[in-house]
PDB file of N, CA and C in Angstrom:
ATOM      1  N   PHE A   1     113.883  87.604 104.858  1.00  0.00           N
ATOM      2  CA  PHE A   1     113.237  86.877 105.930  1.00  0.00           C
ATOM      3  C   PHE A   1     113.526  85.378 105.841  1.00  0.00           C
ATOM      4  N   LYS A   2     113.581  84.880 104.625  1.00  0.00           N
ATOM      5  CA  LYS A   2     113.878  83.460 104.445  1.00  0.00           C
ATOM      6  C   LYS A   2     115.293  83.149 104.935  1.00  0.00           C
ATOM      7  N   GLN A   3     116.251  84.003 104.594  1.00  0.00           N
ATOM      8  CA  GLN A   3     117.631  83.798 105.020  1.00  0.00           C
ATOM      9  C   GLN A   3     117.780  83.886 106.527  1.00  0.00           C
ATOM     10  N   GLN A   4     116.990  84.739 107.171  1.00  0.00           N
ATOM     11  CA  GLN A   4     117.046  84.908 108.617  1.00  0.00           C
ATOM     12  C   GLN A   4     116.297  83.801 109.360  1.00  0.00           C
ATOM     13  N   GLY A   5     115.572  82.971 108.618  1.00  0.00           N
ATOM     14  CA  GLY A   5     114.787  81.911 109.245  1.00  0.00           C
ATOM     15  C   GLY A   5     113.436  82.386 109.758  1.00  0.00           C
ATOM     16  N   SER A   6     113.069  83.622 109.403  1.00  0.00           N
ATOM     17  CA  SER A   6     111.782  84.170 109.838  1.00  0.00           C
ATOM     18  C   SER A   6     110.642  83.752 108.914  1.00  0.00           C
ATOM     19  N   LEU A   7     110.982  83.260 107.741  1.00  0.00           N
ATOM     20  CA  LEU A   7     109.988  82.860 106.759  1.00  0.00           C
ATOM     21  C   LEU A   7     110.346  81.484 106.233  1.00  0.00           C
ATOM     22  N   ARG A   8     109.389  80.598 106.294  1.00  0.00           N
ATOM     23  CA  ARG A   8     109.586  79.274 105.707  1.00  0.00           C
ATOM     24  C   ARG A   8     108.675  79.139 104.502  1.00  0.00           C
ATOM     25  N   VAL A   9     109.185  78.585 103.442  1.00  0.00           N
ATOM     26  CA  VAL A   9     108.414  78.393 102.225  1.00  0.00           C
ATOM     27  C   VAL A   9     108.030  76.930 102.138  1.00  0.00           C
ATOM     28  N   LYS A  10     106.734  76.684 102.035  1.00  0.00           N
ATOM     29  CA  LYS A  10     106.223  75.313 101.942  1.00  0.00           C
ATOM     30  C   LYS A  10     106.161  74.926 100.473  1.00  0.00           C
ATOM     31  N   LYS A  11     106.786  73.820 100.155  1.00  0.00           N
ATOM     32  CA  LYS A  11     106.716  73.293  98.797  1.00  0.00           C
ATOM     33  C   LYS A  11     105.812  72.069  98.823  1.00  0.00           C
ATOM     34  N   PHE A  12     104.844  72.064  97.933  1.00  0.00           N
ATOM     35  CA  PHE A  12     103.894  70.963  97.882  1.00  0.00           C
ATOM     36  C   PHE A  12     104.365  69.883  96.929  1.00  0.00           C
ATOM     37  N   LYS A  13     104.121  68.649  97.340  1.00  0.00           N
ATOM     38  CA  LYS A  13     104.439  67.486  96.504  1.00  0.00           C
ATOM     39  C   LYS A  13     103.302  67.257  95.521  1.00  0.00           C
ATOM     40  N   GLY A  14     103.522  66.386  94.567  1.00  0.00           N
ATOM     41  CA  GLY A  14     102.540  66.110  93.516  1.00  0.00           C
ATOM     42  C   GLY A  14     101.157  65.776  94.045  1.00  0.00           C
ATOM     43  N   ASN A  15     101.092  64.866  95.025  1.00  0.00           N
ATOM     44  CA  ASN A  15      99.778  64.477  95.557  1.00  0.00           C
ATOM     45  C   ASN A  15      99.117  65.643  96.296  1.00  0.00           C
ATOM     46  N   GLU A  16      99.914  66.523  96.898  1.00  0.00           N
ATOM     47  CA  GLU A  16      99.362  67.690  97.581  1.00  0.00           C
ATOM     48  C   GLU A  16      98.830  68.711  96.575  1.00  0.00           C
ATOM     49  N   VAL A  17      99.491  68.828  95.435  1.00  0.00           N
ATOM     50  CA  VAL A  17      99.017  69.735  94.392  1.00  0.00           C
ATOM     51  C   VAL A  17      97.664  69.242  93.871  1.00  0.00           C
ATOM     52  N   LEU A  18      97.518  67.932  93.742  1.00  0.00           N
ATOM     53  CA  LEU A  18      96.224  67.377  93.333  1.00  0.00           C
ATOM     54  C   LEU A  18      95.151  67.707  94.362  1.00  0.00           C
ATOM     55  N   GLU A  19      95.502  67.624  95.636  1.00  0.00           N
ATOM     56  CA  GLU A  19      94.558  67.975  96.691  1.00  0.00           C
ATOM     57  C   GLU A  19      94.170  69.456  96.608  1.00  0.00           C
ATOM     58  N   LEU A  20      95.145  70.295  96.304  1.00  0.00           N
ATOM     59  CA  LEU A  20      94.855  71.718  96.141  1.00  0.00           C
ATOM     60  C   LEU A  20      93.872  71.949  94.990  1.00  0.00           C
ATOM     61  N   MET A  21      94.040  71.209  93.912  1.00  0.00           N
ATOM     62  CA  MET A  21      93.125  71.316  92.772  1.00  0.00           C
ATOM     63  C   MET A  21      91.711  70.888  93.181  1.00  0.00           C
ATOM     64  N   GLN A  22      91.616  69.838  93.983  1.00  0.00           N
ATOM     65  CA  GLN A  22      90.305  69.385  94.470  1.00  0.00           C
ATOM     66  C   GLN A  22      89.674  70.444  95.381  1.00  0.00           C
ATOM     67  N   MET A  23      90.490  71.043  96.228  1.00  0.00           N
ATOM     68  CA  MET A  23      89.993  72.094  97.110  1.00  0.00           C
ATOM     69  C   MET A  23      89.485  73.277  96.280  1.00  0.00           C
ATOM     70  N   ARG A  24      90.224  73.599  95.231  1.00  0.00           N
ATOM     71  CA  ARG A  24      89.817  74.717  94.371  1.00  0.00           C
ATOM     72  C   ARG A  24      88.483  74.402  93.700  1.00  0.00           C
ATOM     73  N   ASN A  25      88.345  73.166  93.218  1.00  0.00           N
ATOM     74  CA  ASN A  25      87.079  72.769  92.601  1.00  0.00           C
ATOM     75  C   ASN A  25      85.937  72.847  93.615  1.00  0.00           C
ATOM     76  N   GLN A  26      86.195  72.397  94.836  1.00  0.00           N
ATOM     77  CA  GLN A  26      85.199  72.434  95.905  1.00  0.00           C
ATOM     78  C   GLN A  26      84.788  73.884  96.191  1.00  0.00           C
ATOM     79  N   ALA A  27      85.757  74.763  96.249  1.00  0.00           N
ATOM     80  CA  ALA A  27      85.494  76.160  96.578  1.00  0.00           C
ATOM     81  C   ALA A  27      84.880  76.924  95.414  1.00  0.00           C
ATOM     82  N   SER A  28      85.064  76.445  94.202  1.00  0.00           N
ATOM     83  CA  SER A  28      84.608  77.190  93.024  1.00  0.00           C
ATOM     84  C   SER A  28      83.089  77.329  92.958  1.00  0.00           C
ATOM     85  N   GLU A  29      82.373  76.505  93.707  1.00  0.00           N
ATOM     86  CA  GLU A  29      80.911  76.611  93.718  1.00  0.00           C
ATOM     87  C   GLU A  29      80.461  77.929  94.351  1.00  0.00           C
ATOM     88  N   SER A  30      81.229  78.422  95.320  1.00  0.00           N
ATOM     89  CA  SER A  30      80.792  79.623  96.029  1.00  0.00           C
ATOM     90  C   SER A  30      81.848  80.726  96.116  1.00  0.00           C
ATOM     91  N   SER A  31      83.035  80.489  95.573  1.00  0.00           N
ATOM     92  CA  SER A  31      84.056  81.542  95.593  1.00  0.00           C
ATOM     93  C   SER A  31      84.964  81.379  94.388  1.00  0.00           C
ATOM     94  N   ASN A  32      85.819  82.351  94.186  1.00  0.00           N
ATOM     95  CA  ASN A  32      86.777  82.272  93.079  1.00  0.00           C
ATOM     96  C   ASN A  32      88.180  82.008  93.635  1.00  0.00           C
ATOM     97  N   ALA A  33      88.260  81.063  94.560  1.00  0.00           N
ATOM     98  CA  ALA A  33      89.529  80.749  95.226  1.00  0.00           C
ATOM     99  C   ALA A  33      90.587  80.335  94.211  1.00  0.00           C
ATOM    100  N   SER A  34      91.757  80.901  94.368  1.00  0.00           N
ATOM    101  CA  SER A  34      92.892  80.555  93.517  1.00  0.00           C
ATOM    102  C   SER A  34      93.647  79.380  94.138  1.00  0.00           C
ATOM    103  N   ILE A  35      94.594  78.864  93.409  1.00  0.00           N
ATOM    104  CA  ILE A  35      95.461  77.814  93.949  1.00  0.00           C
ATOM    105  C   ILE A  35      96.222  78.354  95.160  1.00  0.00           C
ATOM    106  N   GLN A  36      96.630  79.630  95.102  1.00  0.00           N
ATOM    107  CA  GLN A  36      97.330  80.243  96.227  1.00  0.00           C
ATOM    108  C   GLN A  36      96.420  80.308  97.453  1.00  0.00           C
ATOM    109  N   ASP A  37      95.161  80.681  97.246  1.00  0.00           N
ATOM    110  CA  ASP A  37      94.194  80.681  98.350  1.00  0.00           C
ATOM    111  C   ASP A  37      94.082  79.286  98.956  1.00  0.00           C
ATOM    112  N   CYS A  38      93.992  78.299  98.101  1.00  0.00           N
ATOM    113  CA  CYS A  38      93.847  76.917  98.565  1.00  0.00           C
ATOM    114  C   CYS A  38      95.100  76.436  99.290  1.00  0.00           C
ATOM    115  N   SER A  39      96.262  76.924  98.879  1.00  0.00           N
ATOM    116  CA  SER A  39      97.490  76.498  99.547  1.00  0.00           C
ATOM    117  C   SER A  39      97.543  77.014 100.982  1.00  0.00           C
ATOM    118  N   VAL A  40      97.114  78.262 101.212  1.00  0.00           N
ATOM    119  CA  VAL A  40      97.104  78.757 102.592  1.00  0.00           C
ATOM    120  C   VAL A  40      95.954  78.149 103.384  1.00  0.00           C
ATOM    121  N   TRP A  41      94.879  77.825 102.723  1.00  0.00           N
ATOM    122  CA  TRP A  41      93.757  77.109 103.352  1.00  0.00           C
ATOM    123  C   TRP A  41      94.248  75.766 103.864  1.00  0.00           C
ATOM    124  N   LYS A  42      94.956  75.037 102.996  1.00  0.00           N
ATOM    125  CA  LYS A  42      95.476  73.714 103.362  1.00  0.00           C
ATOM    126  C   LYS A  42      96.470  73.823 104.525  1.00  0.00           C
ATOM    127  N   LEU A  43      97.356  74.802 104.463  1.00  0.00           N
ATOM    128  CA  LEU A  43      98.333  74.985 105.546  1.00  0.00           C
ATOM    129  C   LEU A  43      97.649  75.329 106.872  1.00  0.00           C
ATOM    130  N   ALA A  44      96.675  76.231 106.810  1.00  0.00           N
ATOM    131  CA  ALA A  44      95.955  76.606 108.034  1.00  0.00           C
ATOM    132  C   ALA A  44      95.266  75.387 108.638  1.00  0.00           C
ATOM    133  N   LYS A  45      94.700  74.568 107.777  1.00  0.00           N
ATOM    134  CA  LYS A  45      94.029  73.349 108.245  1.00  0.00           C
ATOM    135  C   LYS A  45      95.028  72.361 108.845  1.00  0.00           C
ATOM    136  N   ASN A  46      96.110  72.135 108.135  1.00  0.00           N
ATOM    137  CA  ASN A  46      97.125  71.174 108.591  1.00  0.00           C
ATOM    138  C   ASN A  46      97.808  71.622 109.877  1.00  0.00           C
ATOM    139  N   LEU A  47      98.041  72.922 110.000  1.00  0.00           N
ATOM    140  CA  LEU A  47      98.741  73.458 111.164  1.00  0.00           C
ATOM    141  C   LEU A  47      97.777  73.871 112.280  1.00  0.00           C
ATOM    142  N   ASN A  48      96.484  73.766 112.004  1.00  0.00           N
ATOM    143  CA  ASN A  48      95.452  74.162 112.958  1.00  0.00           C
ATOM    144  C   ASN A  48      95.690  75.589 113.452  1.00  0.00           C
ATOM    145  N   CYS A  49      95.846  76.494 112.485  1.00  0.00           N
ATOM    146  CA  CYS A  49      96.091  77.888 112.840  1.00  0.00           C
ATOM    147  C   CYS A  49      95.097  78.775 112.085  1.00  0.00           C
ATOM    148  N   PRO A  50      94.856  79.972 112.599  1.00  0.00           N
ATOM    149  CA  PRO A  50      93.914  80.875 111.924  1.00  0.00           C
ATOM    150  C   PRO A  50      94.478  81.413 110.622  1.00  0.00           C
ATOM    151  N   LEU A  51      93.572  81.863 109.782  1.00  0.00           N
ATOM    152  CA  LEU A  51      93.948  82.405 108.480  1.00  0.00           C
ATOM    153  C   LEU A  51      93.404  83.819 108.372  1.00  0.00           C
ATOM    154  N   LEU A  52      94.164  84.706 107.805  1.00  0.00           N
ATOM    155  CA  LEU A  52      93.724  86.079 107.558  1.00  0.00           C
ATOM    156  C   LEU A  52      93.349  86.233 106.092  1.00  0.00           C
ATOM    157  N   THR A  53      92.164  86.790 105.849  1.00  0.00           N
ATOM    158  CA  THR A  53      91.749  87.060 104.482  1.00  0.00           C
ATOM    159  C   THR A  53      90.767  88.219 104.469  1.00  0.00           C
ATOM    160  N   GLY A  54      90.748  88.930 103.383  1.00  0.00           N
ATOM    161  CA  GLY A  54      89.778  89.992 103.182  1.00  0.00           C
ATOM    162  C   GLY A  54      88.705  89.587 102.195  1.00  0.00           C
ATOM    163  N   ASP A  55      88.760  88.347 101.751  1.00  0.00           N
ATOM    164  CA  ASP A  55      87.818  87.836 100.760  1.00  0.00           C
ATOM    165  C   ASP A  55      86.653  87.169 101.487  1.00  0.00           C
ATOM    166  N   ASN A  56      85.495  87.828 101.483  1.00  0.00           N
ATOM    167  CA  ASN A  56      84.346  87.329 102.236  1.00  0.00           C
ATOM    168  C   ASN A  56      83.841  85.987 101.719  1.00  0.00           C
ATOM    169  N   ARG A  57      83.867  85.799 100.412  1.00  0.00           N
ATOM    170  CA  ARG A  57      83.407  84.515  99.853  1.00  0.00           C
ATOM    171  C   ARG A  57      84.353  83.392 100.255  1.00  0.00           C
ATOM    172  N   LEU A  58      85.643  83.660 100.248  1.00  0.00           N
ATOM    173  CA  LEU A  58      86.613  82.658 100.684  1.00  0.00           C
ATOM    174  C   LEU A  58      86.446  82.393 102.179  1.00  0.00           C
ATOM    175  N   ARG A  59      86.189  83.437 102.954  1.00  0.00           N
ATOM    176  CA  ARG A  59      85.977  83.302 104.394  1.00  0.00           C
ATOM    177  C   ARG A  59      84.871  82.277 104.677  1.00  0.00           C
ATOM    178  N   LYS A  60      83.781  82.386 103.929  1.00  0.00           N
ATOM    179  CA  LYS A  60      82.646  81.481 104.146  1.00  0.00           C
ATOM    180  C   LYS A  60      83.018  80.032 103.845  1.00  0.00           C
ATOM    181  N   VAL A  61      83.792  79.821 102.793  1.00  0.00           N
ATOM    182  CA  VAL A  61      84.250  78.470 102.442  1.00  0.00           C
ATOM    183  C   VAL A  61      85.132  77.912 103.557  1.00  0.00           C
ATOM    184  N   LEU A  62      86.055  78.734 104.039  1.00  0.00           N
ATOM    185  CA  LEU A  62      86.975  78.308 105.082  1.00  0.00           C
ATOM    186  C   LEU A  62      86.242  78.007 106.384  1.00  0.00           C
ATOM    187  N   GLN A  63      85.312  78.865 106.763  1.00  0.00           N
ATOM    188  CA  GLN A  63      84.552  78.641 107.988  1.00  0.00           C
ATOM    189  C   GLN A  63      83.729  77.359 107.894  1.00  0.00           C
ATOM    190  N   LYS A  64      83.162  77.132 106.726  1.00  0.00           N
ATOM    191  CA  LYS A  64      82.381  75.899 106.504  1.00  0.00           C
ATOM    192  C   LYS A  64      83.268  74.673 106.689  1.00  0.00           C
ATOM    193  N   ASP A  65      84.548  74.828 106.377  1.00  0.00           N
ATOM    194  CA  ASP A  65      85.503  73.726 106.509  1.00  0.00           C
ATOM    195  C   ASP A  65      86.143  73.676 107.908  1.00  0.00           C
ATOM    196  N   GLY A  66      85.700  74.553 108.796  1.00  0.00           N
ATOM    197  CA  GLY A  66      86.192  74.520 110.174  1.00  0.00           C
ATOM    198  C   GLY A  66      87.490  75.266 110.422  1.00  0.00           C
ATOM    199  N   VAL A  67      87.898  76.108 109.485  1.00  0.00           N
ATOM    200  CA  VAL A  67      89.133  76.884 109.645  1.00  0.00           C
ATOM    201  C   VAL A  67      88.780  78.213 110.315  1.00  0.00           C
ATOM    202  N   GLU A  68      89.548  78.583 111.337  1.00  0.00           N
ATOM    203  CA  GLU A  68      89.359  79.877 111.997  1.00  0.00           C
ATOM    204  C   GLU A  68      89.840  80.968 111.042  1.00  0.00           C
ATOM    205  N   VAL A  69      88.993  81.971 110.815  1.00  0.00           N
ATOM    206  CA  VAL A  69      89.291  83.006 109.829  1.00  0.00           C
ATOM    207  C   VAL A  69      89.094  84.385 110.453  1.00  0.00           C
ATOM    208  N   HIS A  70      90.013  85.289 110.134  1.00  0.00           N
ATOM    209  CA  HIS A  70      89.920  86.665 110.591  1.00  0.00           C
ATOM    210  C   HIS A  70      90.248  87.598 109.437  1.00  0.00           C
ATOM    211  N   GLY A  71      89.877  88.877 109.610  1.00  0.00           N
ATOM    212  CA  GLY A  71      90.151  89.884 108.603  1.00  0.00           C
ATOM    213  C   GLY A  71      90.882  91.076 109.188  1.00  0.00           C
ATOM    214  N   ILE A  72      90.860  92.161 108.452  1.00  0.00           N
ATOM    215  CA  ILE A  72      91.630  93.357 108.807  1.00  0.00           C
ATOM    216  C   ILE A  72      91.162  93.968 110.127  1.00  0.00           C
ATOM    217  N   LEU A  73      89.874  93.895 110.418  1.00  0.00           N
ATOM    218  CA  LEU A  73      89.382  94.487 111.668  1.00  0.00           C
ATOM    219  C   LEU A  73      89.936  93.745 112.877  1.00  0.00           C
ATOM    220  N   TYR A  74      90.105  92.458 112.728  1.00  0.00           N
ATOM    221  CA  TYR A  74      90.733  91.651 113.788  1.00  0.00           C
ATOM    222  C   TYR A  74      92.153  92.149 114.054  1.00  0.00           C
ATOM    223  N   LEU A  75      92.866  92.493 112.998  1.00  0.00           N
ATOM    224  CA  LEU A  75      94.231  93.001 113.162  1.00  0.00           C
ATOM    225  C   LEU A  75      94.240  94.329 113.913  1.00  0.00           C
ATOM    226  N   PHE A  76      93.293  95.198 113.588  1.00  0.00           N
ATOM    227  CA  PHE A  76      93.188  96.447 114.343  1.00  0.00           C
ATOM    228  C   PHE A  76      92.932  96.152 115.822  1.00  0.00           C
ATOM    229  N   ASP A  77      91.993  95.242 116.085  1.00  0.00           N
ATOM    230  CA  ASP A  77      91.669  94.881 117.473  1.00  0.00           C
ATOM    231  C   ASP A  77      92.911  94.373 118.212  1.00  0.00           C
ATOM    232  N   LYS A  78      93.661  93.505 117.555  1.00  0.00           N
ATOM    233  CA  LYS A  78      94.847  92.929 118.187  1.00  0.00           C
ATOM    234  C   LYS A  78      95.950  93.972 118.385  1.00  0.00           C
ATOM    235  N   MET A  79      96.113  94.865 117.409  1.00  0.00           N
ATOM    236  CA  MET A  79      97.139  95.899 117.566  1.00  0.00           C
ATOM    237  C   MET A  79      96.805  96.820 118.738  1.00  0.00           C
ATOM    238  N   LEU A  80      95.529  97.113 118.925  1.00  0.00           N
ATOM    239  CA  LEU A  80      95.110  97.918 120.076  1.00  0.00           C
ATOM    240  C   LEU A  80      95.294  97.142 121.373  1.00  0.00           C
ATOM    241  N   GLU A  81      94.885  95.887 121.362  1.00  0.00           N
ATOM    242  CA  GLU A  81      94.991  95.039 122.557  1.00  0.00           C
ATOM    243  C   GLU A  81      96.430  94.935 123.051  1.00  0.00           C
ATOM    244  N   HIS A  82      97.366  94.884 122.117  1.00  0.00           N
ATOM    245  CA  HIS A  82      98.779  94.710 122.473  1.00  0.00           C
ATOM    246  C   HIS A  82      99.560  96.027 122.445  1.00  0.00           C
ATOM    247  N   ASN A  83      98.819  97.137 122.399  1.00  0.00           N
ATOM    248  CA  ASN A  83      99.422  98.479 122.447  1.00  0.00           C
ATOM    249  C   ASN A  83     100.445  98.732 121.337  1.00  0.00           C
ATOM    250  N   VAL A  84     100.197  98.158 120.177  1.00  0.00           N
ATOM    251  CA  VAL A  84     101.045  98.426 119.015  1.00  0.00           C
ATOM    252  C   VAL A  84     100.682  99.790 118.440  1.00  0.00           C
ATOM    253  N   ILE A  85      99.382 100.111 118.490  1.00  0.00           N
ATOM    254  CA  ILE A  85      98.889 101.430 118.090  1.00  0.00           C
ATOM    255  C   ILE A  85      97.946 101.922 119.186  1.00  0.00           C
ATOM    256  N   ASN A  86      97.690 103.237 119.185  1.00  0.00           N
ATOM    257  CA  ASN A  86      96.725 103.781 120.137  1.00  0.00           C
ATOM    258  C   ASN A  86      95.383 104.002 119.433  1.00  0.00           C
ATOM    259  N   HIS A  87      94.366 104.367 120.194  1.00  0.00           N
ATOM    260  CA  HIS A  87      93.026 104.526 119.626  1.00  0.00           C
ATOM    261  C   HIS A  87      92.955 105.642 118.585  1.00  0.00           C
ATOM    262  N   GLU A  88      93.674 106.710 118.826  1.00  0.00           N
ATOM    263  CA  GLU A  88      93.676 107.813 117.866  1.00  0.00           C
ATOM    264  C   GLU A  88      94.224 107.360 116.512  1.00  0.00           C
ATOM    265  N   THR A  89      95.322 106.624 116.537  1.00  0.00           N
ATOM    266  CA  THR A  89      95.907 106.098 115.295  1.00  0.00           C
ATOM    267  C   THR A  89      94.964 105.092 114.645  1.00  0.00           C
ATOM    268  N   ALA A  90      94.358 104.232 115.451  1.00  0.00           N
ATOM    269  CA  ALA A  90      93.428 103.235 114.914  1.00  0.00           C
ATOM    270  C   ALA A  90      92.271 103.915 114.194  1.00  0.00           C
ATOM    271  N   ILE A  91      91.728 104.962 114.792  1.00  0.00           N
ATOM    272  CA  ILE A  91      90.611 105.688 114.173  1.00  0.00           C
ATOM    273  C   ILE A  91      91.035 106.273 112.829  1.00  0.00           C
ATOM    274  N   THR A  92      92.150 106.968 112.831  1.00  0.00           N
ATOM    275  CA  THR A  92      92.642 107.611 111.607  1.00  0.00           C
ATOM    276  C   THR A  92      92.910 106.590 110.507  1.00  0.00           C
ATOM    277  N   LYS A  93      93.599 105.509 110.866  1.00  0.00           N
ATOM    278  CA  LYS A  93      93.981 104.512 109.862  1.00  0.00           C
ATOM    279  C   LYS A  93      92.776 103.731 109.343  1.00  0.00           C
ATOM    280  N   LEU A  94      91.830 103.424 110.237  1.00  0.00           N
ATOM    281  CA  LEU A  94      90.649 102.676 109.787  1.00  0.00           C
ATOM    282  C   LEU A  94      89.779 103.552 108.888  1.00  0.00           C
ATOM    283  N   GLN A  95      89.643 104.807 109.215  1.00  0.00           N
ATOM    284  CA  GLN A  95      88.886 105.716 108.343  1.00  0.00           C
ATOM    285  C   GLN A  95      89.558 105.833 106.977  1.00  0.00           C
ATOM    286  N   SER A  96      90.865 105.939 106.990  1.00  0.00           N
ATOM    287  CA  SER A  96      91.622 106.023 105.740  1.00  0.00           C
ATOM    288  C   SER A  96      91.459 104.742 104.920  1.00  0.00           C
ATOM    289  N   LEU A  97      91.555 103.607 105.599  1.00  0.00           N
ATOM    290  CA  LEU A  97      91.395 102.323 104.915  1.00  0.00           C
ATOM    291  C   LEU A  97      90.008 102.203 104.295  1.00  0.00           C
ATOM    292  N   PHE A  98      88.982 102.572 105.059  1.00  0.00           N
ATOM    293  CA  PHE A  98      87.619 102.458 104.532  1.00  0.00           C
ATOM    294  C   PHE A  98      87.393 103.391 103.348  1.00  0.00           C
ATOM    295  N   SER A  99      88.083 104.515 103.315  1.00  0.00           N
ATOM    296  CA  SER A  99      87.911 105.447 102.198  1.00  0.00           C
ATOM    297  C   SER A  99      88.435 104.864 100.881  1.00  0.00           C
ATOM    298  N   ILE A 100      89.359 103.919 100.972  1.00  0.00           N
ATOM    299  CA  ILE A 100      89.883 103.298  99.744  1.00  0.00           C
ATOM    300  C   ILE A 100      89.376 101.871  99.536  1.00  0.00           C
ATOM    301  N   ASN A 101      88.698 101.312 100.539  1.00  0.00           N
ATOM    302  CA  ASN A 101      88.160  99.959 100.413  1.00  0.00           C
ATOM    303  C   ASN A 101      86.765  99.917 101.026  1.00  0.00           C
ATOM    304  N   THR A 102      85.789 100.330 100.247  1.00  0.00           N
ATOM    305  CA  THR A 102      84.419 100.429 100.751  1.00  0.00           C
ATOM    306  C   THR A 102      83.715  99.074 100.837  1.00  0.00           C
ATOM    307  N   ARG A 103      84.410  98.001 100.480  1.00  0.00           N
ATOM    308  CA  ARG A 103      83.812  96.666 100.612  1.00  0.00           C
ATOM    309  C   ARG A 103      83.932  96.136 102.040  1.00  0.00           C
ATOM    310  N   LEU A 104      84.674  96.837 102.888  1.00  0.00           N
ATOM    311  CA  LEU A 104      84.793  96.418 104.280  1.00  0.00           C
ATOM    312  C   LEU A 104      83.436  96.575 104.959  1.00  0.00           C
ATOM    313  N   PRO A 105      83.183  95.787 106.016  1.00  0.00           N
ATOM    314  CA  PRO A 105      81.870  95.819 106.677  1.00  0.00           C
ATOM    315  C   PRO A 105      81.643  97.133 107.445  1.00  0.00           C
ATOM    316  N   LYS A 106      80.853  98.034 106.848  1.00  0.00           N
ATOM    317  CA  LYS A 106      80.626  99.363 107.407  1.00  0.00           C
ATOM    318  C   LYS A 106      80.061  99.308 108.821  1.00  0.00           C
ATOM    319  N   ASP A 107      79.126  98.416 109.095  1.00  0.00           N
ATOM    320  CA  ASP A 107      78.538  98.326 110.437  1.00  0.00           C
ATOM    321  C   ASP A 107      79.592  98.007 111.488  1.00  0.00           C
ATOM    322  N   GLU A 108      80.481  97.082 111.166  1.00  0.00           N
ATOM    323  CA  GLU A 108      81.546  96.704 112.108  1.00  0.00           C
ATOM    324  C   GLU A 108      82.546  97.839 112.284  1.00  0.00           C
ATOM    325  N   ILE A 109      82.828  98.536 111.215  1.00  0.00           N
ATOM    326  CA  ILE A 109      83.739  99.684 111.290  1.00  0.00           C
ATOM    327  C   ILE A 109      83.124 100.775 112.155  1.00  0.00           C
ATOM    328  N   ASP A 110      81.848 101.069 111.920  1.00  0.00           N
ATOM    329  CA  ASP A 110      81.168 102.106 112.700  1.00  0.00           C
ATOM    330  C   ASP A 110      81.157 101.769 114.189  1.00  0.00           C
ATOM    331  N   LYS A 111      80.928 100.503 114.526  1.00  0.00           N
ATOM    332  CA  LYS A 111      80.938 100.081 115.934  1.00  0.00           C
ATOM    333  C   LYS A 111      82.295 100.348 116.568  1.00  0.00           C
ATOM    334  N   ARG A 112      83.339  99.963 115.862  1.00  0.00           N
ATOM    335  CA  ARG A 112      84.684 100.166 116.404  1.00  0.00           C
ATOM    336  C   ARG A 112      85.020 101.642 116.538  1.00  0.00           C
ATOM    337  N   LEU A 113      84.713 102.426 115.512  1.00  0.00           N
ATOM    338  CA  LEU A 113      85.019 103.853 115.560  1.00  0.00           C
ATOM    339  C   LEU A 113      84.303 104.517 116.738  1.00  0.00           C
ATOM    340  N   GLU A 114      83.057 104.159 116.937  1.00  0.00           N
ATOM    341  CA  GLU A 114      82.294 104.720 118.059  1.00  0.00           C
ATOM    342  C   GLU A 114      82.930 104.331 119.399  1.00  0.00           C
ATOM    343  N   LEU A 115      83.280 103.072 119.529  1.00  0.00           N
ATOM    344  CA  LEU A 115      83.905 102.589 120.766  1.00  0.00           C
ATOM    345  C   LEU A 115      85.257 103.264 120.999  1.00  0.00           C
ATOM    346  N   TRP A 116      86.073 103.346 119.953  1.00  0.00           N
ATOM    347  CA  TRP A 116      87.401 103.938 120.099  1.00  0.00           C
ATOM    348  C   TRP A 116      87.315 105.435 120.397  1.00  0.00           C
ATOM    349  N   LYS A 117      86.357 106.128 119.773  1.00  0.00           N
ATOM    350  CA  LYS A 117      86.195 107.563 120.046  1.00  0.00           C
ATOM    351  C   LYS A 117      85.753 107.771 121.494  1.00  0.00           C
ATOM    352  N   ALA A 118      84.874 106.893 121.979  1.00  0.00           N
ATOM    353  CA  ALA A 118      84.436 106.982 123.376  1.00  0.00           C
ATOM    354  C   ALA A 118      85.608 106.783 124.313  1.00  0.00           C
ATOM    355  N   THR A 119      86.520 105.906 123.954  1.00  0.00           N
ATOM    356  CA  THR A 119      87.721 105.662 124.753  1.00  0.00           C
ATOM    357  C   THR A 119      88.584 106.916 124.834  1.00  0.00           C
ATOM    358  N   LEU A 120      88.661 107.647 123.738  1.00  0.00           N
ATOM    359  CA  LEU A 120      89.443 108.889 123.712  1.00  0.00           C
ATOM    360  C   LEU A 120      88.826 109.966 124.602  1.00  0.00           C
ATOM    361  N   ASN A 121      87.515 109.952 124.700  1.00  0.00           N
ATOM    362  CA  ASN A 121      86.806 110.991 125.466  1.00  0.00           C
ATOM    363  C   ASN A 121      86.728 110.708 126.949  1.00  0.00           C
ATOM    364  N   GLN A 122      87.296 109.626 127.392  1.00  0.00           N
ATOM    365  CA  GLN A 122      87.249 109.271 128.834  1.00  0.00           C
ATOM    366  C   GLN A 122      88.295 110.021 129.613  1.00  0.00           C
TER     367      GLN A 122
END
């Protein structure tokens, strides 16, 4: 992807690495954010773009800092919205995902499954 120009790698300068360390210290009060987490946090902030994460504690830190944050359920919603997958596939895959990752928000999953199943029955 890098050779094709589809992926760009951001290299941080010394002063930016110090900023990342400060961000990590700031986040350490309420999350276990790594330097890698902080690097994508910084990029999302600088580029004013949303960030995807499955780490709820990191999500709260990012939201507090004004960064738009989404998770895996958002990706399912977008894939359905853009017809990348159909509702039947979404149901199957989300159920499968929840069976191996029970830390996902069950209430939100149940809402989507109910809505998607209703869509199938129309």
